[in-house]
Amino acid sequence: MDRIGDLASKKAAVIFTKSSCFMCHSIKALFYDIGASPAIHELDEDPKGKEMEWALRSLGCNPCVPAVFIGGKYVGSSKDIISLQVDGSLKQMLIDAKAIWL
């Protein structure tokens, strides 16, 4: 769990994903389209990926990917991020965390 916290706080926007997850790909594409350049951690390509997956689950991430952190705080999974985008608050969250600049 410490590894998740360390990685989540190293950059303004962090996404934990799996390379085969289509929703992970969609969330990454959304962030890139907004202008953010998040740190991406592919759990299926990391030697400690299974441990991180369990740590994410223990934080309440279900499903465990994509797990999005903004400003070092867990924001949610794909449905949460899409809801934030639809209501217009995702971009402001990224601006406030200094993940994008206008």
PDB file of N, CA and C in Angstrom:
ATOM      1  N   MET A   1       0.833  -1.187   0.000  1.00  0.00           N
ATOM      2  CA  MET A   1       0.000   0.000   0.000  1.00  0.00           C
ATOM      3  C   MET A   1       0.878   1.250   0.000  1.00  0.00           C
ATOM      4  N   ASP A   2       2.037   1.185   0.652  1.00  0.00           N
ATOM      5  CA  ASP A   2       2.938   2.333   0.639  1.00  0.00           C
ATOM      6  C   ASP A   2       3.397   2.643  -0.775  1.00  0.00           C
ATOM      7  N   ARG A   3       3.610   1.596  -1.577  1.00  0.00           N
ATOM      8  CA  ARG A   3       4.046   1.797  -2.960  1.00  0.00           C
ATOM      9  C   ARG A   3       2.985   2.571  -3.742  1.00  0.00           C
ATOM     10  N   ILE A   4       1.720   2.257  -3.547  1.00  0.00           N
ATOM     11  CA  ILE A   4       0.637   2.967  -4.231  1.00  0.00           C
ATOM     12  C   ILE A   4       0.667   4.436  -3.841  1.00  0.00           C
ATOM     13  N   GLY A   5       0.752   4.714  -2.555  1.00  0.00           N
ATOM     14  CA  GLY A   5       0.787   6.093  -2.086  1.00  0.00           C
ATOM     15  C   GLY A   5       1.987   6.855  -2.622  1.00  0.00           C
ATOM     16  N   ASP A   6       3.140   6.198  -2.640  1.00  0.00           N
ATOM     17  CA  ASP A   6       4.354   6.836  -3.168  1.00  0.00           C
ATOM     18  C   ASP A   6       4.191   7.169  -4.645  1.00  0.00           C
ATOM     19  N   LEU A   7       3.734   6.197  -5.416  1.00  0.00           N
ATOM     20  CA  LEU A   7       3.573   6.421  -6.860  1.00  0.00           C
ATOM     21  C   LEU A   7       2.481   7.452  -7.141  1.00  0.00           C
ATOM     22  N   ALA A   8       1.395   7.402  -6.370  1.00  0.00           N
ATOM     23  CA  ALA A   8       0.271   8.311  -6.589  1.00  0.00           C
ATOM     24  C   ALA A   8       0.627   9.755  -6.287  1.00  0.00           C
ATOM     25  N   SER A   9       1.629   9.962  -5.446  1.00  0.00           N
ATOM     26  CA  SER A   9       1.974  11.332  -5.067  1.00  0.00           C
ATOM     27  C   SER A   9       3.151  11.908  -5.853  1.00  0.00           C
ATOM     28  N   LYS A  10       3.730  11.129  -6.754  1.00  0.00           N
ATOM     29  CA  LYS A  10       4.903  11.610  -7.496  1.00  0.00           C
ATOM     30  C   LYS A  10       4.562  12.531  -8.653  1.00  0.00           C
ATOM     31  N   LYS A  11       3.326  12.491  -9.117  1.00  0.00           N
ATOM     32  CA  LYS A  11       2.909  13.328 -10.234  1.00  0.00           C
ATOM     33  C   LYS A  11       1.493  13.825  -9.955  1.00  0.00           C
ATOM     34  N   ALA A  12       1.115  14.928 -10.576  1.00  0.00           N
ATOM     35  CA  ALA A  12      -0.198  15.526 -10.319  1.00  0.00           C
ATOM     36  C   ALA A  12      -1.354  14.605 -10.704  1.00  0.00           C
ATOM     37  N   ALA A  13      -1.177  13.819 -11.761  1.00  0.00           N
ATOM     38  CA  ALA A  13      -2.208  12.863 -12.186  1.00  0.00           C
ATOM     39  C   ALA A  13      -1.546  11.507 -12.399  1.00  0.00           C
ATOM     40  N   VAL A  14      -2.130  10.473 -11.804  1.00  0.00           N
ATOM     41  CA  VAL A  14      -1.573   9.124 -11.880  1.00  0.00           C
ATOM     42  C   VAL A  14      -2.714   8.155 -12.164  1.00  0.00           C
ATOM     43  N   ILE A  15      -2.478   7.252 -13.112  1.00  0.00           N
ATOM     44  CA  ILE A  15      -3.488   6.246 -13.446  1.00  0.00           C
ATOM     45  C   ILE A  15      -2.846   4.864 -13.362  1.00  0.00           C
ATOM     46  N   PHE A  16      -3.446   3.985 -12.561  1.00  0.00           N
ATOM     47  CA  PHE A  16      -3.033   2.593 -12.491  1.00  0.00           C
ATOM     48  C   PHE A  16      -3.930   1.825 -13.451  1.00  0.00           C
ATOM     49  N   THR A  17      -3.318   1.080 -14.365  1.00  0.00           N
ATOM     50  CA  THR A  17      -4.068   0.427 -15.429  1.00  0.00           C
ATOM     51  C   THR A  17      -3.559  -0.989 -15.671  1.00  0.00           C
ATOM     52  N   LYS A  18      -4.186  -1.645 -16.620  1.00  0.00           N
ATOM     53  CA  LYS A  18      -3.690  -2.900 -17.194  1.00  0.00           C
ATOM     54  C   LYS A  18      -3.702  -2.696 -18.699  1.00  0.00           C
ATOM     55  N   SER A  19      -2.686  -3.196 -19.374  1.00  0.00           N
ATOM     56  CA  SER A  19      -2.543  -2.945 -20.805  1.00  0.00           C
ATOM     57  C   SER A  19      -3.679  -3.537 -21.631  1.00  0.00           C
ATOM     58  N   SER A  20      -4.358  -4.548 -21.122  1.00  0.00           N
ATOM     59  CA  SER A  20      -5.445  -5.182 -21.872  1.00  0.00           C
ATOM     60  C   SER A  20      -6.824  -4.610 -21.558  1.00  0.00           C
ATOM     61  N   CYS A  21      -6.899  -3.622 -20.695  1.00  0.00           N
ATOM     62  CA  CYS A  21      -8.182  -3.064 -20.234  1.00  0.00           C
ATOM     63  C   CYS A  21      -8.645  -1.938 -21.163  1.00  0.00           C
ATOM     64  N   PHE A  22      -9.767  -2.131 -21.839  1.00  0.00           N
ATOM     65  CA  PHE A  22     -10.247  -1.112 -22.779  1.00  0.00           C
ATOM     66  C   PHE A  22     -10.702   0.161 -22.069  1.00  0.00           C
ATOM     67  N   MET A  23     -11.273   0.051 -20.867  1.00  0.00           N
ATOM     68  CA  MET A  23     -11.673   1.262 -20.145  1.00  0.00           C
ATOM     69  C   MET A  23     -10.446   2.047 -19.686  1.00  0.00           C
ATOM     70  N   CYS A  24      -9.383   1.328 -19.345  1.00  0.00           N
ATOM     71  CA  CYS A  24      -8.122   2.006 -18.985  1.00  0.00           C
ATOM     72  C   CYS A  24      -7.627   2.820 -20.168  1.00  0.00           C
ATOM     73  N   HIS A  25      -7.676   2.237 -21.343  1.00  0.00           N
ATOM     74  CA  HIS A  25      -7.248   2.935 -22.559  1.00  0.00           C
ATOM     75  C   HIS A  25      -8.115   4.186 -22.774  1.00  0.00           C
ATOM     76  N   SER A  26      -9.406   4.060 -22.565  1.00  0.00           N
ATOM     77  CA  SER A  26     -10.317   5.196 -22.752  1.00  0.00           C
ATOM     78  C   SER A  26     -10.027   6.321 -21.770  1.00  0.00           C
ATOM     79  N   ILE A  27      -9.756   5.982 -20.526  1.00  0.00           N
ATOM     80  CA  ILE A  27      -9.470   7.006 -19.517  1.00  0.00           C
ATOM     81  C   ILE A  27      -8.138   7.684 -19.817  1.00  0.00           C
ATOM     82  N   LYS A  28      -7.140   6.908 -20.215  1.00  0.00           N
ATOM     83  CA  LYS A  28      -5.855   7.510 -20.600  1.00  0.00           C
ATOM     84  C   LYS A  28      -6.055   8.472 -21.771  1.00  0.00           C
ATOM     85  N   ALA A  29      -6.820   8.059 -22.771  1.00  0.00           N
ATOM     86  CA  ALA A  29      -7.077   8.907 -23.938  1.00  0.00           C
ATOM     87  C   ALA A  29      -7.806  10.191 -23.528  1.00  0.00           C
ATOM     88  N   LEU A  30      -8.754  10.098 -22.609  1.00  0.00           N
ATOM     89  CA  LEU A  30      -9.471  11.273 -22.117  1.00  0.00           C
ATOM     90  C   LEU A  30      -8.500  12.265 -21.479  1.00  0.00           C
ATOM     91  N   PHE A  31      -7.612  11.770 -20.639  1.00  0.00           N
ATOM     92  CA  PHE A  31      -6.638  12.653 -19.986  1.00  0.00           C
ATOM     93  C   PHE A  31      -5.741  13.320 -21.020  1.00  0.00           C
ATOM     94  N   TYR A  32      -5.284  12.561 -21.998  1.00  0.00           N
ATOM     95  CA  TYR A  32      -4.433  13.143 -23.048  1.00  0.00           C
ATOM     96  C   TYR A  32      -5.206  14.189 -23.853  1.00  0.00           C
ATOM     97  N   ASP A  33      -6.481  13.915 -24.151  1.00  0.00           N
ATOM     98  CA  ASP A  33      -7.305  14.869 -24.905  1.00  0.00           C
ATOM     99  C   ASP A  33      -7.514  16.173 -24.131  1.00  0.00           C
ATOM    100  N   ILE A  34      -7.614  16.075 -22.815  1.00  0.00           N
ATOM    101  CA  ILE A  34      -7.780  17.269 -21.978  1.00  0.00           C
ATOM    102  C   ILE A  34      -6.481  18.071 -21.924  1.00  0.00           C
ATOM    103  N   GLY A  35      -5.359  17.394 -22.150  1.00  0.00           N
ATOM    104  CA  GLY A  35      -4.065  18.072 -22.104  1.00  0.00           C
ATOM    105  C   GLY A  35      -3.192  17.646 -20.939  1.00  0.00           C
ATOM    106  N   ALA A  36      -3.640  16.653 -20.193  1.00  0.00           N
ATOM    107  CA  ALA A  36      -2.851  16.144 -19.073  1.00  0.00           C
ATOM    108  C   ALA A  36      -1.900  15.061 -19.570  1.00  0.00           C
ATOM    109  N   SER A  37      -0.822  14.901 -18.870  1.00  0.00           N
ATOM    110  CA  SER A  37       0.143  13.846 -19.166  1.00  0.00           C
ATOM    111  C   SER A  37       0.357  13.036 -17.890  1.00  0.00           C
ATOM    112  N   PRO A  38      -0.585  12.154 -17.583  1.00  0.00           N
ATOM    113  CA  PRO A  38      -0.518  11.427 -16.316  1.00  0.00           C
ATOM    114  C   PRO A  38       0.600  10.393 -16.292  1.00  0.00           C
ATOM    115  N   ALA A  39       1.055  10.070 -15.097  1.00  0.00           N
ATOM    116  CA  ALA A  39       1.944   8.921 -14.925  1.00  0.00           C
ATOM    117  C   ALA A  39       1.063   7.687 -15.065  1.00  0.00           C
ATOM    118  N   ILE A  40       1.500   6.756 -15.875  1.00  0.00           N
ATOM    119  CA  ILE A  40       0.739   5.527 -16.116  1.00  0.00           C
ATOM    120  C   ILE A  40       1.514   4.359 -15.522  1.00  0.00           C
ATOM    121  N   HIS A  41       0.842   3.554 -14.708  1.00  0.00           N
ATOM    122  CA  HIS A  41       1.461   2.367 -14.119  1.00  0.00           C
ATOM    123  C   HIS A  41       0.647   1.153 -14.557  1.00  0.00           C
ATOM    124  N   GLU A  42       1.214   0.386 -15.475  1.00  0.00           N
ATOM    125  CA  GLU A  42       0.558  -0.815 -16.000  1.00  0.00           C
ATOM    126  C   GLU A  42       0.818  -1.970 -15.030  1.00  0.00           C
ATOM    127  N   LEU A  43      -0.191  -2.376 -14.290  1.00  0.00           N
ATOM    128  CA  LEU A  43      -0.017  -3.406 -13.274  1.00  0.00           C
ATOM    129  C   LEU A  43       0.392  -4.742 -13.859  1.00  0.00           C
ATOM    130  N   ASP A  44      -0.075  -5.050 -15.066  1.00  0.00           N
ATOM    131  CA  ASP A  44       0.268  -6.341 -15.658  1.00  0.00           C
ATOM    132  C   ASP A  44       1.686  -6.367 -16.231  1.00  0.00           C
ATOM    133  N   GLU A  45       2.363  -5.238 -16.229  1.00  0.00           N
ATOM    134  CA  GLU A  45       3.741  -5.178 -16.714  1.00  0.00           C
ATOM    135  C   GLU A  45       4.730  -4.887 -15.592  1.00  0.00           C
ATOM    136  N   ASP A  46       4.233  -4.750 -14.381  1.00  0.00           N
ATOM    137  CA  ASP A  46       5.075  -4.448 -13.227  1.00  0.00           C
ATOM    138  C   ASP A  46       5.290  -5.728 -12.414  1.00  0.00           C
ATOM    139  N   PRO A  47       6.542  -6.024 -12.024  1.00  0.00           N
ATOM    140  CA  PRO A  47       6.785  -7.232 -11.231  1.00  0.00           C
ATOM    141  C   PRO A  47       6.002  -7.258  -9.918  1.00  0.00           C
ATOM    142  N   LYS A  48       5.654  -6.103  -9.390  1.00  0.00           N
ATOM    143  CA  LYS A  48       4.873  -6.039  -8.154  1.00  0.00           C
ATOM    144  C   LYS A  48       3.415  -5.697  -8.440  1.00  0.00           C
ATOM    145  N   GLY A  49       2.991  -5.942  -9.666  1.00  0.00           N
ATOM    146  CA  GLY A  49       1.635  -5.585 -10.083  1.00  0.00           C
ATOM    147  C   GLY A  49       0.540  -6.241  -9.278  1.00  0.00           C
ATOM    148  N   LYS A  50       0.691  -7.520  -8.964  1.00  0.00           N
ATOM    149  CA  LYS A  50      -0.341  -8.227  -8.177  1.00  0.00           C
ATOM    150  C   LYS A  50      -0.468  -7.626  -6.787  1.00  0.00           C
ATOM    151  N   GLU A  51       0.674  -7.297  -6.163  1.00  0.00           N
ATOM    152  CA  GLU A  51       0.641  -6.662  -4.848  1.00  0.00           C
ATOM    153  C   GLU A  51      -0.065  -5.309  -4.929  1.00  0.00           C
ATOM    154  N   MET A  52       0.247  -4.539  -5.964  1.00  0.00           N
ATOM    155  CA  MET A  52      -0.384  -3.231  -6.121  1.00  0.00           C
ATOM    156  C   MET A  52      -1.874  -3.381  -6.389  1.00  0.00           C
ATOM    157  N   GLU A  53      -2.246  -4.404  -7.143  1.00  0.00           N
ATOM    158  CA  GLU A  53      -3.665  -4.657  -7.414  1.00  0.00           C
ATOM    159  C   GLU A  53      -4.419  -4.908  -6.106  1.00  0.00           C
ATOM    160  N   TRP A  54      -3.844  -5.722  -5.223  1.00  0.00           N
ATOM    161  CA  TRP A  54      -4.486  -5.990  -3.931  1.00  0.00           C
ATOM    162  C   TRP A  54      -4.527  -4.744  -3.065  1.00  0.00           C
ATOM    163  N   ALA A  55      -3.465  -3.942  -3.137  1.00  0.00           N
ATOM    164  CA  ALA A  55      -3.441  -2.694  -2.362  1.00  0.00           C
ATOM    165  C   ALA A  55      -4.531  -1.745  -2.848  1.00  0.00           C
ATOM    166  N   LEU A  56      -4.723  -1.670  -4.159  1.00  0.00           N
ATOM    167  CA  LEU A  56      -5.783  -0.822  -4.705  1.00  0.00           C
ATOM    168  C   LEU A  56      -7.154  -1.313  -4.257  1.00  0.00           C
ATOM    169  N   ARG A  57      -7.333  -2.622  -4.276  1.00  0.00           N
ATOM    170  CA  ARG A  57      -8.614  -3.180  -3.810  1.00  0.00           C
ATOM    171  C   ARG A  57      -8.854  -2.828  -2.341  1.00  0.00           C
ATOM    172  N   SER A  58      -7.805  -2.882  -1.531  1.00  0.00           N
ATOM    173  CA  SER A  58      -7.969  -2.567  -0.108  1.00  0.00           C
ATOM    174  C   SER A  58      -8.296  -1.086   0.114  1.00  0.00           C
ATOM    175  N   LEU A  59      -7.956  -0.236  -0.871  1.00  0.00           N
ATOM    176  CA  LEU A  59      -8.321   1.179  -0.799  1.00  0.00           C
ATOM    177  C   LEU A  59      -9.760   1.420  -1.238  1.00  0.00           C
ATOM    178  N   GLY A  60     -10.411   0.368  -1.723  1.00  0.00           N
ATOM    179  CA  GLY A  60     -11.791   0.498  -2.168  1.00  0.00           C
ATOM    180  C   GLY A  60     -11.943   0.595  -3.676  1.00  0.00           C
ATOM    181  N   CYS A  61     -10.868   0.382  -4.403  1.00  0.00           N
ATOM    182  CA  CYS A  61     -10.922   0.427  -5.873  1.00  0.00           C
ATOM    183  C   CYS A  61     -11.537  -0.873  -6.378  1.00  0.00           C
ATOM    184  N   ASN A  62     -12.755  -0.797  -6.867  1.00  0.00           N
ATOM    185  CA  ASN A  62     -13.409  -1.989  -7.401  1.00  0.00           C
ATOM    186  C   ASN A  62     -14.255  -1.585  -8.587  1.00  0.00           C
ATOM    187  N   PRO A  63     -13.855  -1.906  -9.795  1.00  0.00           N
ATOM    188  CA  PRO A  63     -12.695  -2.708 -10.157  1.00  0.00           C
ATOM    189  C   PRO A  63     -11.397  -1.973  -9.823  1.00  0.00           C
ATOM    190  N   CYS A  64     -10.319  -2.737  -9.748  1.00  0.00           N
ATOM    191  CA  CYS A  64      -9.063  -2.129  -9.303  1.00  0.00           C
ATOM    192  C   CYS A  64      -8.414  -1.263 -10.380  1.00  0.00           C
ATOM    193  N   VAL A  65      -8.792  -1.440 -11.634  1.00  0.00           N
ATOM    194  CA  VAL A  65      -8.274  -0.572 -12.705  1.00  0.00           C
ATOM    195  C   VAL A  65      -9.416  -0.142 -13.611  1.00  0.00           C
ATOM    196  N   PRO A  66      -9.360   1.042 -14.186  1.00  0.00           N
ATOM    197  CA  PRO A  66      -8.365   2.058 -13.909  1.00  0.00           C
ATOM    198  C   PRO A  66      -8.605   2.693 -12.548  1.00  0.00           C
ATOM    199  N   ALA A  67      -7.525   2.990 -11.851  1.00  0.00           N
ATOM    200  CA  ALA A  67      -7.596   3.708 -10.577  1.00  0.00           C
ATOM    201  C   ALA A  67      -6.901   5.042 -10.796  1.00  0.00           C
ATOM    202  N   VAL A  68      -7.642   6.122 -10.635  1.00  0.00           N
ATOM    203  CA  VAL A  68      -7.136   7.457 -10.948  1.00  0.00           C
ATOM    204  C   VAL A  68      -6.905   8.253  -9.663  1.00  0.00           C
ATOM    205  N   PHE A  69      -5.703   8.822  -9.591  1.00  0.00           N
ATOM    206  CA  PHE A  69      -5.327   9.689  -8.483  1.00  0.00           C
ATOM    207  C   PHE A  69      -5.013  11.060  -9.058  1.00  0.00           C
ATOM    208  N   ILE A  70      -5.558  12.083  -8.453  1.00  0.00           N
ATOM    209  CA  ILE A  70      -5.273  13.465  -8.861  1.00  0.00           C
ATOM    210  C   ILE A  70      -4.843  14.218  -7.606  1.00  0.00           C
ATOM    211  N   GLY A  71      -3.692  14.846  -7.696  1.00  0.00           N
ATOM    212  CA  GLY A  71      -3.167  15.548  -6.538  1.00  0.00           C
ATOM    213  C   GLY A  71      -2.871  14.624  -5.372  1.00  0.00           C
ATOM    214  N   GLY A  72      -2.518  13.376  -5.674  1.00  0.00           N
ATOM    215  CA  GLY A  72      -2.189  12.400  -4.641  1.00  0.00           C
ATOM    216  C   GLY A  72      -3.376  11.746  -3.972  1.00  0.00           C
ATOM    217  N   LYS A  73      -4.598  12.099  -4.386  1.00  0.00           N
ATOM    218  CA  LYS A  73      -5.808  11.549  -3.773  1.00  0.00           C
ATOM    219  C   LYS A  73      -6.547  10.660  -4.767  1.00  0.00           C
ATOM    220  N   TYR A  74      -7.071   9.557  -4.246  1.00  0.00           N
ATOM    221  CA  TYR A  74      -7.855   8.658  -5.084  1.00  0.00           C
ATOM    222  C   TYR A  74      -9.145   9.353  -5.494  1.00  0.00           C
ATOM    223  N   VAL A  75      -9.371   9.432  -6.813  1.00  0.00           N
ATOM    224  CA  VAL A  75     -10.567  10.092  -7.338  1.00  0.00           C
ATOM    225  C   VAL A  75     -11.617   9.067  -7.730  1.00  0.00           C
ATOM    226  N   GLY A  76     -11.187   7.947  -8.288  1.00  0.00           N
ATOM    227  CA  GLY A  76     -12.151   6.932  -8.654  1.00  0.00           C
ATOM    228  C   GLY A  76     -11.715   6.099  -9.829  1.00  0.00           C
ATOM    229  N   SER A  77     -12.673   5.334 -10.314  1.00  0.00           N
ATOM    230  CA  SER A  77     -12.459   4.454 -11.461  1.00  0.00           C
ATOM    231  C   SER A  77     -13.098   5.088 -12.688  1.00  0.00           C
ATOM    232  N   SER A  78     -13.244   4.335 -13.732  1.00  0.00           N
ATOM    233  CA  SER A  78     -13.712   4.882 -15.008  1.00  0.00           C
ATOM    234  C   SER A  78     -15.068   5.578 -14.888  1.00  0.00           C
ATOM    235  N   LYS A  79     -16.025   4.967 -14.199  1.00  0.00           N
ATOM    236  CA  LYS A  79     -17.351   5.593 -14.104  1.00  0.00           C
ATOM    237  C   LYS A  79     -17.289   6.925 -13.359  1.00  0.00           C
ATOM    238  N   ASP A  80     -16.435   7.004 -12.353  1.00  0.00           N
ATOM    239  CA  ASP A  80     -16.292   8.247 -11.600  1.00  0.00           C
ATOM    240  C   ASP A  80     -15.654   9.335 -12.463  1.00  0.00           C
ATOM    241  N   ILE A  81     -14.636   8.962 -13.223  1.00  0.00           N
ATOM    242  CA  ILE A  81     -13.929   9.922 -14.067  1.00  0.00           C
ATOM    243  C   ILE A  81     -14.845  10.413 -15.183  1.00  0.00           C
ATOM    244  N   ILE A  82     -15.614   9.517 -15.774  1.00  0.00           N
ATOM    245  CA  ILE A  82     -16.543   9.913 -16.830  1.00  0.00           C
ATOM    246  C   ILE A  82     -17.608  10.852 -16.264  1.00  0.00           C
ATOM    247  N   SER A  83     -18.104  10.573 -15.062  1.00  0.00           N
ATOM    248  CA  SER A  83     -19.081  11.459 -14.421  1.00  0.00           C
ATOM    249  C   SER A  83     -18.490  12.841 -14.176  1.00  0.00           C
ATOM    250  N   LEU A  84     -17.238  12.883 -13.714  1.00  0.00           N
ATOM    251  CA  LEU A  84     -16.576  14.175 -13.488  1.00  0.00           C
ATOM    252  C   LEU A  84     -16.394  14.940 -14.797  1.00  0.00           C
ATOM    253  N   GLN A  85     -16.097  14.216 -15.864  1.00  0.00           N
ATOM    254  CA  GLN A  85     -15.938  14.859 -17.173  1.00  0.00           C
ATOM    255  C   GLN A  85     -17.273  15.412 -17.660  1.00  0.00           C
ATOM    256  N   VAL A  86     -18.333  14.636 -17.503  1.00  0.00           N
ATOM    257  CA  VAL A  86     -19.656  15.063 -17.964  1.00  0.00           C
ATOM    258  C   VAL A  86     -20.137  16.293 -17.203  1.00  0.00           C
ATOM    259  N   ASP A  87     -19.897  16.337 -15.891  1.00  0.00           N
ATOM    260  CA  ASP A  87     -20.363  17.507 -15.138  1.00  0.00           C
ATOM    261  C   ASP A  87     -19.380  18.680 -15.178  1.00  0.00           C
ATOM    262  N   GLY A  88     -18.266  18.497 -15.877  1.00  0.00           N
ATOM    263  CA  GLY A  88     -17.336  19.600 -16.101  1.00  0.00           C
ATOM    264  C   GLY A  88     -16.308  19.830 -15.010  1.00  0.00           C
ATOM    265  N   SER A  89     -16.259  18.982 -14.012  1.00  0.00           N
ATOM    266  CA  SER A  89     -15.339  19.227 -12.898  1.00  0.00           C
ATOM    267  C   SER A  89     -13.972  18.558 -13.044  1.00  0.00           C
ATOM    268  N   LEU A  90     -13.825  17.608 -13.954  1.00  0.00           N
ATOM    269  CA  LEU A  90     -12.543  16.920 -14.113  1.00  0.00           C
ATOM    270  C   LEU A  90     -11.437  17.886 -14.525  1.00  0.00           C
ATOM    271  N   LYS A  91     -11.710  18.708 -15.503  1.00  0.00           N
ATOM    272  CA  LYS A  91     -10.697  19.652 -15.982  1.00  0.00           C
ATOM    273  C   LYS A  91     -10.251  20.585 -14.872  1.00  0.00           C
ATOM    274  N   GLN A  92     -11.197  21.073 -14.069  1.00  0.00           N
ATOM    275  CA  GLN A  92     -10.838  21.973 -12.965  1.00  0.00           C
ATOM    276  C   GLN A  92     -10.002  21.249 -11.919  1.00  0.00           C
ATOM    277  N   MET A  93     -10.332  19.997 -11.651  1.00  0.00           N
ATOM    278  CA  MET A  93      -9.527  19.215 -10.706  1.00  0.00           C
ATOM    279  C   MET A  93      -8.089  19.099 -11.200  1.00  0.00           C
ATOM    280  N   LEU A  94      -7.939  18.863 -12.505  1.00  0.00           N
ATOM    281  CA  LEU A  94      -6.594  18.743 -13.086  1.00  0.00           C
ATOM    282  C   LEU A  94      -5.860  20.080 -13.058  1.00  0.00           C
ATOM    283  N   ILE A  95      -6.570  21.160 -13.280  1.00  0.00           N
ATOM    284  CA  ILE A  95      -5.967  22.494 -13.193  1.00  0.00           C
ATOM    285  C   ILE A  95      -5.522  22.769 -11.759  1.00  0.00           C
ATOM    286  N   ASP A  96      -6.393  22.496 -10.797  1.00  0.00           N
ATOM    287  CA  ASP A  96      -6.070  22.741  -9.384  1.00  0.00           C
ATOM    288  C   ASP A  96      -4.869  21.928  -8.921  1.00  0.00           C
ATOM    289  N   ALA A  97      -4.719  20.714  -9.464  1.00  0.00           N
ATOM    290  CA  ALA A  97      -3.590  19.840  -9.099  1.00  0.00           C
ATOM    291  C   ALA A  97      -2.335  20.166  -9.902  1.00  0.00           C
ATOM    292  N   LYS A  98      -2.465  21.126 -10.836  1.00  0.00           N
ATOM    293  CA  LYS A  98      -1.363  21.531 -11.722  1.00  0.00           C
ATOM    294  C   LYS A  98      -0.948  20.401 -12.685  1.00  0.00           C
ATOM    295  N   ALA A  99      -1.943  19.598 -13.063  1.00  0.00           N
ATOM    296  CA  ALA A  99      -1.711  18.563 -14.063  1.00  0.00           C
ATOM    297  C   ALA A  99      -1.858  19.129 -15.469  1.00  0.00           C
ATOM    298  N   ILE A 100      -2.589  20.235 -15.583  1.00  0.00           N
ATOM    299  CA  ILE A 100      -2.692  20.970 -16.861  1.00  0.00           C
ATOM    300  C   ILE A 100      -2.655  22.456 -16.551  1.00  0.00           C
ATOM    301  N   TRP A 101      -2.271  23.207 -17.550  1.00  0.00           N
ATOM    302  CA  TRP A 101      -2.208  24.665 -17.428  1.00  0.00           C
ATOM    303  C   TRP A 101      -3.013  25.275 -18.548  1.00  0.00           C
ATOM    304  N   LEU A 102      -3.593  26.424 -18.289  1.00  0.00           N
ATOM    305  CA  LEU A 102      -4.351  27.125 -19.333  1.00  0.00           C
ATOM    306  C   LEU A 102      -3.687  28.437 -19.643  1.00  0.00           C
TER     307      LEU A 102
END
